[in-house]
Amino acid sequence: MVCTTILQPESLHGSSGQTFQLSLEQALTHGNGVIVDLLWVGTVDSDGINVLAQSMIRSQASGKDIKFIGLEHNTKLELERRIKSSLASSGSSPALGHGIFAPDFEAFLDRHRDLKASQALI
């Protein structure tokens, strides 16, 4: 039986990032994969990005699947940079896991955000 957990943090700042890290580690330990829905997280601080990057690296090492959805564009770019940097410094291949950002779903979210923003202007 495949068990995928969906986590929806409300914040990834300071102690909330540490709390989320524990939830994420438990989900990766007890399931086959995790979807991290960051739609309701406005910004992610440096510690939060580290939590996401390290969880992605751990999931790859353990053969588990992790996907990040709803991630703000600049945060996504910084997360990619941190993952590549961490993998390169550890001597691992700096290639990111296949599809960790679920691009089709991301495109849907972008269209939805754009539509909501245009309706707010009316």
Protein backbone atom coordinates (compact mmCIF):
# COMPACT_ATOMS: atom_id res chain seq x y z
CA MET A 1 0.00 0.00 0.00
CA VAL A 2 1.35 3.40 -1.03
CA CYS A 3 1.02 6.01 1.70
CA THR A 4 1.54 9.63 0.70
CA THR A 5 1.14 12.35 3.31
CA ILE A 6 0.08 15.90 2.50
CA LEU A 7 1.47 18.57 4.80
CA GLN A 8 0.16 22.15 4.77
CA PRO A 9 2.21 24.42 6.99
CA GLU A 10 0.88 27.88 7.74
CA SER A 11 4.30 29.39 8.35
CA LEU A 12 7.97 28.53 7.89
CA HIS A 13 9.55 31.13 10.14
CA GLY A 14 11.62 30.51 13.26
CA SER A 15 10.17 27.92 15.61
CA SER A 16 7.30 27.08 13.25
CA GLY A 17 9.93 25.86 10.78
CA GLN A 18 11.40 23.56 13.41
CA THR A 19 7.96 22.21 14.30
CA PHE A 20 7.22 21.62 10.62
CA GLN A 21 10.58 19.87 10.20
CA LEU A 22 9.55 17.29 12.82
CA SER A 23 6.24 16.67 11.04
CA LEU A 24 8.02 16.34 7.72
CA GLU A 25 10.60 13.90 9.08
CA GLN A 26 7.84 11.74 10.62
CA ALA A 27 5.90 11.73 7.35
CA LEU A 28 8.99 10.69 5.39
CA THR A 29 9.81 7.98 7.93
CA HIS A 30 6.35 6.43 8.02
CA GLY A 31 5.20 6.84 4.43
CA ASN A 32 6.32 6.43 0.85
CA GLY A 33 6.12 10.09 0.01
CA VAL A 34 5.12 13.57 1.02
CA ILE A 35 3.43 16.44 -0.75
CA VAL A 36 4.27 19.76 0.89
CA ASP A 37 1.53 22.27 0.05
CA LEU A 38 2.92 25.75 0.61
CA LEU A 39 0.00 27.62 -0.92
CA TRP A 40 -0.91 29.39 2.33
CA VAL A 41 2.67 30.24 3.29
CA GLY A 42 3.41 33.83 2.25
CA THR A 43 7.16 33.88 2.66
CA VAL A 44 9.73 31.40 3.83
CA ASP A 45 12.73 32.55 5.87
CA SER A 46 16.25 31.19 5.45
CA ASP A 47 15.75 28.52 8.12
CA GLY A 48 12.52 27.39 6.44
CA ILE A 49 14.29 27.05 3.09
CA ASN A 50 16.96 24.97 4.81
CA VAL A 51 14.26 22.71 6.28
CA LEU A 52 12.76 22.16 2.81
CA ALA A 53 16.15 21.64 1.14
CA GLN A 54 17.38 19.14 3.72
CA SER A 55 14.10 17.23 3.63
CA MET A 56 14.36 16.94 -0.16
CA ILE A 57 17.94 15.66 0.11
CA ARG A 58 16.97 13.15 2.84
CA SER A 59 13.99 11.93 0.84
CA GLN A 60 16.18 11.31 -2.22
CA ALA A 61 18.74 9.43 -0.11
CA SER A 62 16.03 7.20 1.36
CA GLY A 63 14.25 6.62 -1.96
CA LYS A 64 11.13 8.46 -0.83
CA ASP A 65 9.16 10.87 -2.99
CA ILE A 66 8.65 14.53 -2.04
CA LYS A 67 6.86 17.25 -3.97
CA PHE A 68 6.59 20.95 -3.20
CA ILE A 69 3.51 22.79 -4.48
CA GLY A 70 2.30 26.36 -4.12
CA LEU A 71 5.79 27.74 -3.59
CA GLU A 72 6.34 31.43 -4.34
CA HIS A 73 8.66 31.89 -7.36
CA ASN A 74 11.63 33.56 -5.60
CA THR A 75 11.48 31.06 -2.76
CA LYS A 76 11.45 28.23 -5.30
CA LEU A 77 14.57 29.63 -6.97
CA GLU A 78 16.35 29.94 -3.62
CA LEU A 79 15.32 26.41 -2.65
CA GLU A 80 16.71 25.04 -5.92
CA ARG A 81 19.96 26.92 -5.31
CA ARG A 82 20.29 25.55 -1.75
CA ILE A 83 19.57 21.99 -2.83
CA LYS A 84 22.14 22.15 -5.62
CA SER A 85 24.70 23.74 -3.31
CA SER A 86 24.16 21.14 -0.57
CA LEU A 87 24.39 18.25 -3.01
CA ALA A 88 27.51 19.65 -4.67
CA SER A 89 29.27 20.26 -1.34
CA SER A 90 28.51 16.71 -0.21
CA GLY A 91 29.96 15.26 -3.40
CA SER A 92 26.57 14.11 -4.64
CA SER A 93 25.24 14.83 -8.08
CA PRO A 94 23.70 18.30 -8.10
CA ALA A 95 20.75 17.10 -10.18
CA LEU A 96 17.41 17.78 -8.55
CA GLY A 97 14.93 14.98 -8.08
CA HIS A 98 12.52 14.51 -10.96
CA GLY A 99 9.44 16.69 -10.66
CA ILE A 100 9.86 17.94 -7.10
CA PHE A 101 7.88 21.07 -7.92
CA ALA A 102 4.92 19.42 -9.76
CA PRO A 103 5.00 21.88 -12.71
CA ASP A 104 1.50 21.13 -14.05
CA PHE A 105 -0.03 21.86 -10.69
CA GLU A 106 2.16 24.95 -10.32
CA ALA A 107 0.87 26.27 -13.66
CA PHE A 108 -2.71 25.72 -12.45
CA LEU A 109 -1.98 27.65 -9.24
CA ASP A 110 -0.37 30.51 -11.18
CA ARG A 111 -3.44 30.80 -13.42
CA HIS A 112 -5.71 30.72 -10.37
CA ARG A 113 -3.69 33.45 -8.61
CA ASP A 114 -3.72 35.61 -11.77
CA LEU A 115 -7.48 35.19 -12.12
CA LYS A 116 -8.09 36.13 -8.47
CA ALA A 117 -5.81 39.18 -8.82
CA SER A 118 -7.62 40.37 -11.97
CA GLN A 119 -11.02 39.93 -10.26
CA ALA A 120 -9.82 41.95 -7.27
CA LEU A 121 -9.04 44.86 -9.61
CA ILE A 122 -12.63 44.98 -10.92
